[in-house]
Amino acid sequence: MMMRRVVTNFKNVNRQFGQLRSYTQQQKPNITLFGAEGDNPLAFHVLKQIAHRSGKIRIQTTDAASTRRALENLEGVDQSQFEIIQALTTDDYSVESAVYGADAVINVDRVLIEAERGYLDVYVNGVSNIAHFAEKHDVSKLIHTSVMGADLDHESRFLDVNYRGEDIAYGSFPNVTVIRPNFATFGDRGSIVELFRRKLPLKLSPIIPYPAQAGALKIQPVHIGDVAQAISKSLFDKDVSGRVLQLGGSQTYTFPE
C-alpha cells in the first residue's frame, strides 16, 4: 500500500518558506549528508548553505578523494566541521554509523546512469537503510531528495524507483520531507547538460543524445542553488515535515529544447 503524500509546488523559495526557526539559539544541529560524491554538485551547494548554521557535518560518499577535492573548493566554510565516510548506502553498518548521533539527516544521493550503481541500490535499498536508521536513532528531521514526476509504475524506470524510494522513506519515517526538484537543473556545476557530459563520452561533441521516449517530456529547469536553498530552509522549518515539495522553474520546455 502506497503512503499518502501532501504535495506542494514551489516556484519562489523565499516567499513560500517565509521566516525560519532554528533548532535552538544555543546549539547548532549535527548533520549527516548522504550522497556527496565530487560529481554531485547539489551536495556541495547544500553544504555551503547549511555549514554556518550547523555543528558537525558527517558526509557519506562512495568516492572520498573526489569529495575532499570538492570540499576544498568551498569558500567561507569551516573545513574542520566535516567528517568524510566512504561507504555504500546499502551497507547497513556504515549507514547506521553515519546516522548515529545526528540531529538531522539529508539524502541527496543519486545516480544518472545505472551502469555506475543500480537504481534499486541507490533509490530503494539505500533509502530504506537511511530512513530506517534515522527512525531508530531518533533523528529530528529527515530530508530526502527525489525528482519531479516520480510516479508508481511510470514507464520511466528512473521515475518509478524514485517514487518507490519516497514510499519506503515515508514507511519508516512518516515525517520525512521529500524534495522533488525538476530533473533539469542549471547553475554553477549544476547544468543537466554538464552532468550528462561528465557521465558520457561526449567531450568532443556538441550533441547530447537522449532516449526516444524523452522527446515529449516536459521539463521546468530550476537553478541548483534554489534547490539547495529549499533543502537548507526545510532543515529549519518544521512546518514542511511530512510533505513533498516540488521545485520547478517558471518556464516549460521539451527535453530536446
Protein backbone atom coordinates (compact mmCIF):
# COMPACT_ATOMS: atom_id res chain seq x y z
CA MET A 1 0.00 0.00 0.00
CA MET A 2 1.44 3.35 -1.07
CA MET A 3 1.69 6.15 1.50
CA ARG A 4 -0.40 9.32 1.14
CA ARG A 5 1.53 12.41 0.08
CA VAL A 6 0.87 16.09 0.61
CA VAL A 7 2.41 17.73 -2.47
CA THR A 8 3.21 21.43 -2.66
CA ASN A 9 4.58 23.15 -5.77
CA PHE A 10 7.14 25.86 -5.03
CA LYS A 11 8.40 28.41 -7.56
CA ASN A 12 9.57 31.10 -5.11
CA VAL A 13 11.58 29.57 -2.28
CA ASN A 14 11.92 32.72 -0.17
CA ARG A 15 8.25 33.68 -0.36
CA GLN A 16 6.94 30.18 0.31
CA PHE A 17 9.15 29.35 3.30
CA GLY A 18 8.97 32.73 5.00
CA GLN A 19 10.57 33.23 8.42
CA LEU A 20 12.66 30.31 9.64
CA ARG A 21 13.19 28.87 13.08
CA SER A 22 16.50 27.45 14.29
CA TYR A 23 16.74 24.32 16.44
CA THR A 24 17.91 26.35 19.45
CA GLN A 25 19.71 29.58 19.99
CA GLN A 26 22.48 27.83 21.93
CA GLN A 27 23.22 24.68 19.97
CA LYS A 28 23.71 24.03 16.28
CA PRO A 29 22.45 20.67 14.94
CA ASN A 30 24.81 17.93 13.86
CA ILE A 31 24.02 16.82 10.31
CA THR A 32 24.64 13.70 8.25
CA LEU A 33 24.62 14.20 4.48
CA PHE A 34 24.39 11.20 2.16
CA GLY A 35 25.47 11.29 -1.48
CA ALA A 36 28.32 13.81 -1.50
CA GLU A 37 30.41 12.42 -4.35
CA GLY A 38 32.53 15.03 -6.06
CA ASP A 39 30.39 14.86 -9.20
CA ASN A 40 27.15 15.62 -7.33
CA PRO A 41 27.08 19.44 -7.27
CA LEU A 42 23.84 19.59 -5.27
CA ALA A 43 25.61 18.11 -2.24
CA PHE A 44 28.15 20.93 -2.16
CA HIS A 45 25.60 23.66 -2.80
CA VAL A 46 23.72 22.26 0.21
CA LEU A 47 26.87 22.16 2.35
CA LYS A 48 27.63 25.78 1.55
CA GLN A 49 24.07 26.73 2.55
CA ILE A 50 23.96 24.81 5.84
CA ALA A 51 27.54 24.90 7.15
CA HIS A 52 27.29 28.17 9.08
CA ARG A 53 24.09 27.04 10.81
CA SER A 54 25.27 23.53 11.64
CA GLY A 55 27.60 21.83 14.10
CA LYS A 56 29.49 18.79 12.91
CA ILE A 57 28.62 17.54 9.42
CA ARG A 58 29.22 13.89 8.64
CA ILE A 59 29.47 13.28 4.89
CA GLN A 60 28.85 9.90 3.24
CA THR A 61 30.36 9.28 -0.18
CA THR A 62 31.42 6.40 -2.40
CA ASP A 63 34.50 8.36 -3.51
CA ALA A 64 36.30 10.09 -0.64
CA ALA A 65 39.03 11.53 -2.86
CA SER A 66 36.61 13.39 -5.15
CA THR A 67 34.65 14.59 -2.13
CA ARG A 68 37.77 16.04 -0.48
CA ARG A 69 38.67 17.88 -3.68
CA ALA A 70 35.19 19.36 -3.94
CA LEU A 71 35.20 20.39 -0.27
CA GLU A 72 38.48 22.22 -0.75
CA ASN A 73 36.76 24.42 -3.33
CA LEU A 74 34.08 25.54 -0.88
CA GLU A 75 34.82 29.06 0.24
CA GLY A 76 33.83 30.59 3.54
CA VAL A 77 33.20 27.33 5.40
CA ASP A 78 35.00 25.73 8.32
CA GLN A 79 36.61 22.58 6.93
CA SER A 80 37.01 21.20 10.48
CA GLN A 81 33.22 20.73 10.57
CA PHE A 82 33.38 17.91 8.04
CA GLU A 83 33.90 14.21 8.62
CA ILE A 84 34.02 12.03 5.49
CA ILE A 85 32.81 8.43 5.50
CA GLN A 86 33.44 6.35 2.39
CA ALA A 87 30.73 3.71 2.16
CA LEU A 88 27.73 2.49 0.18
CA THR A 89 24.25 3.28 1.43
CA THR A 90 23.43 -0.42 1.03
CA ASP A 91 25.92 -1.22 3.82
CA ASP A 92 23.79 -1.37 6.98
CA TYR A 93 26.66 -0.92 9.43
CA SER A 94 28.11 2.10 7.61
CA VAL A 95 24.75 3.84 7.29
CA GLU A 96 23.94 3.30 10.96
CA SER A 97 27.37 4.61 11.95
CA ALA A 98 26.83 7.70 9.80
CA VAL A 99 23.38 8.38 11.23
CA TYR A 100 24.19 7.74 14.89
CA GLY A 101 24.36 10.98 16.86
CA ALA A 102 22.93 13.15 14.08
CA ASP A 103 20.15 15.65 14.76
CA ALA A 104 19.13 15.69 11.10
CA VAL A 105 19.83 13.61 8.01
CA ILE A 106 19.82 14.83 4.40
CA ASN A 107 19.90 12.41 1.49
CA VAL A 108 20.94 13.79 -1.91
CA ASP A 109 22.36 10.51 -3.23
CA ARG A 110 21.65 9.93 -6.89
CA VAL A 111 22.84 8.15 -9.99
CA LEU A 112 22.01 9.20 -13.54
CA ILE A 113 23.40 6.21 -15.40
CA GLU A 114 22.52 2.84 -13.94
CA ALA A 115 25.77 1.22 -15.06
CA GLU A 116 27.60 3.10 -12.27
CA ARG A 117 25.35 1.87 -9.45
CA GLY A 118 21.95 0.26 -9.72
CA TYR A 119 18.84 2.39 -9.40
CA LEU A 120 17.41 -0.05 -6.87
CA ASP A 121 20.52 0.17 -4.69
CA VAL A 122 20.53 3.97 -4.68
CA TYR A 123 16.84 4.89 -4.74
CA VAL A 124 15.27 1.94 -2.89
CA ASN A 125 17.67 -0.16 -0.81
CA GLY A 126 19.88 2.77 0.19
CA VAL A 127 16.90 4.94 1.06
CA SER A 128 15.46 2.09 3.12
CA ASN A 129 18.62 1.95 5.23
CA ILE A 130 18.82 5.71 5.70
CA ALA A 131 15.19 6.09 6.74
CA HIS A 132 15.26 3.02 8.99
CA PHE A 133 18.29 4.14 10.96
CA ALA A 134 17.09 7.75 11.10
CA GLU A 135 13.95 6.48 12.85
CA LYS A 136 15.87 4.03 15.03
CA HIS A 137 18.20 6.73 16.35
CA ASP A 138 15.51 9.39 16.88
CA VAL A 139 16.76 11.81 14.25
CA SER A 140 14.71 15.01 14.43
CA LYS A 141 14.47 15.57 10.69
CA LEU A 142 14.97 13.55 7.54
CA ILE A 143 15.12 15.34 4.19
CA HIS A 144 15.09 13.13 1.12
CA THR A 145 15.61 14.31 -2.46
CA SER A 146 13.64 12.63 -5.22
CA VAL A 147 12.65 14.05 -8.61
CA MET A 148 9.66 15.89 -10.02
CA GLY A 149 7.41 13.49 -11.92
CA ALA A 150 8.19 10.48 -9.73
CA ASP A 151 5.25 8.10 -10.02
CA LEU A 152 4.45 4.46 -9.31
CA ASP A 153 4.80 2.13 -12.31
CA HIS A 154 5.86 5.01 -14.56
CA GLU A 155 7.20 3.89 -17.94
CA SER A 156 10.45 5.55 -16.92
CA ARG A 157 12.27 3.22 -14.55
CA PHE A 158 14.06 6.25 -13.08
CA LEU A 159 10.77 7.91 -12.08
CA ASP A 160 9.27 4.66 -10.84
CA VAL A 161 12.13 3.78 -8.49
CA ASN A 162 12.29 7.34 -7.17
CA TYR A 163 8.62 7.09 -6.18
CA ARG A 164 9.20 3.73 -4.53
CA GLY A 165 12.08 5.24 -2.59
CA GLU A 166 9.83 8.05 -1.35
CA ASP A 167 7.28 5.49 -0.21
CA ILE A 168 9.88 3.48 1.68
CA ALA A 169 11.13 6.64 3.39
CA TYR A 170 7.57 7.50 4.47
CA GLY A 171 7.05 3.98 5.75
CA SER A 172 10.00 4.20 8.13
CA PHE A 173 9.98 7.94 8.86
CA PRO A 174 6.48 9.42 8.37
CA ASN A 175 7.66 13.00 8.95
CA VAL A 176 10.22 12.87 6.15
CA THR A 177 10.37 15.95 3.94
CA VAL A 178 10.66 14.96 0.28
CA ILE A 179 12.23 17.47 -2.09
CA ARG A 180 11.33 16.90 -5.74
CA PRO A 181 13.44 19.19 -7.91
CA ASN A 182 12.87 19.18 -11.63
CA PHE A 183 15.20 16.81 -13.44
CA ALA A 184 16.65 19.72 -15.44
CA THR A 185 18.83 21.81 -13.16
CA PHE A 186 21.12 24.65 -14.16
CA GLY A 187 23.66 26.91 -12.48
CA ASP A 188 27.21 26.58 -11.15
CA ARG A 189 28.30 22.99 -11.97
CA GLY A 190 24.63 22.00 -11.84
CA SER A 191 23.63 22.09 -15.51
CA ILE A 192 21.96 18.86 -16.58
CA VAL A 193 23.88 19.10 -19.87
CA GLU A 194 27.17 19.35 -17.97
CA LEU A 195 26.21 16.38 -15.78
CA PHE A 196 25.50 14.27 -18.87
CA ARG A 197 28.79 15.33 -20.42
CA ARG A 198 30.68 14.17 -17.32
CA LYS A 199 28.97 10.80 -17.41
CA LEU A 200 29.07 10.10 -21.14
CA PRO A 201 31.98 10.23 -23.65
CA LEU A 202 30.76 13.46 -25.22
CA LYS A 203 33.56 15.90 -24.51
CA LEU A 204 34.31 16.42 -28.19
CA SER A 205 30.69 16.51 -29.35
CA PRO A 206 28.17 19.38 -29.10
CA ILE A 207 25.31 16.86 -29.36
CA ILE A 208 23.62 15.32 -26.33
CA PRO A 209 21.76 12.10 -27.14
CA TYR A 210 18.53 11.38 -25.29
CA PRO A 211 16.12 8.42 -25.15
CA ALA A 212 13.36 8.45 -27.77
CA GLN A 213 10.66 8.32 -25.06
CA ALA A 214 12.06 11.52 -23.54
CA GLY A 215 11.25 13.56 -26.64
CA ALA A 216 7.84 14.63 -25.32
CA LEU A 217 9.00 15.04 -21.72
CA LYS A 218 8.09 18.43 -20.28
CA ILE A 219 10.71 19.98 -18.05
CA GLN A 220 10.85 23.12 -15.88
CA PRO A 221 14.54 23.97 -15.37
CA VAL A 222 15.35 25.00 -11.81
CA HIS A 223 18.53 26.64 -10.51
CA ILE A 224 20.55 24.21 -8.42
CA GLY A 225 21.17 26.96 -5.87
CA ASP A 226 17.41 27.28 -5.34
CA VAL A 227 17.15 23.53 -4.71
CA ALA A 228 19.95 23.73 -2.14
CA GLN A 229 18.25 26.71 -0.52
CA ALA A 230 14.98 24.79 -0.24
CA ILE A 231 16.79 21.90 1.44
CA SER A 232 18.55 24.27 3.81
CA LYS A 233 15.34 26.02 4.75
CA SER A 234 13.47 22.72 5.16
CA LEU A 235 16.07 21.79 7.73
CA PHE A 236 14.96 24.70 9.94
CA ASP A 237 11.24 24.79 9.16
CA LYS A 238 9.23 22.14 10.97
CA ASP A 239 6.08 23.04 9.03
CA VAL A 240 7.25 21.11 5.97
CA SER A 241 7.76 17.82 7.80
CA GLY A 242 5.80 15.03 6.14
CA ARG A 243 5.33 16.99 2.92
CA VAL A 244 6.51 16.74 -0.68
CA LEU A 245 7.97 19.96 -2.10
CA GLN A 246 8.13 20.13 -5.90
CA LEU A 247 10.66 22.63 -7.22
CA GLY A 248 10.46 23.78 -10.81
CA GLY A 249 11.13 26.93 -12.78
CA SER A 250 8.52 29.13 -14.38
CA GLN A 251 9.37 28.14 -17.98
CA THR A 252 8.43 24.79 -19.54
CA TYR A 253 10.39 23.09 -22.32
CA THR A 254 10.59 19.73 -24.03
CA PHE A 255 13.70 17.63 -23.43
CA PRO A 256 15.19 18.30 -26.90
CA GLU A 257 14.80 22.07 -26.38
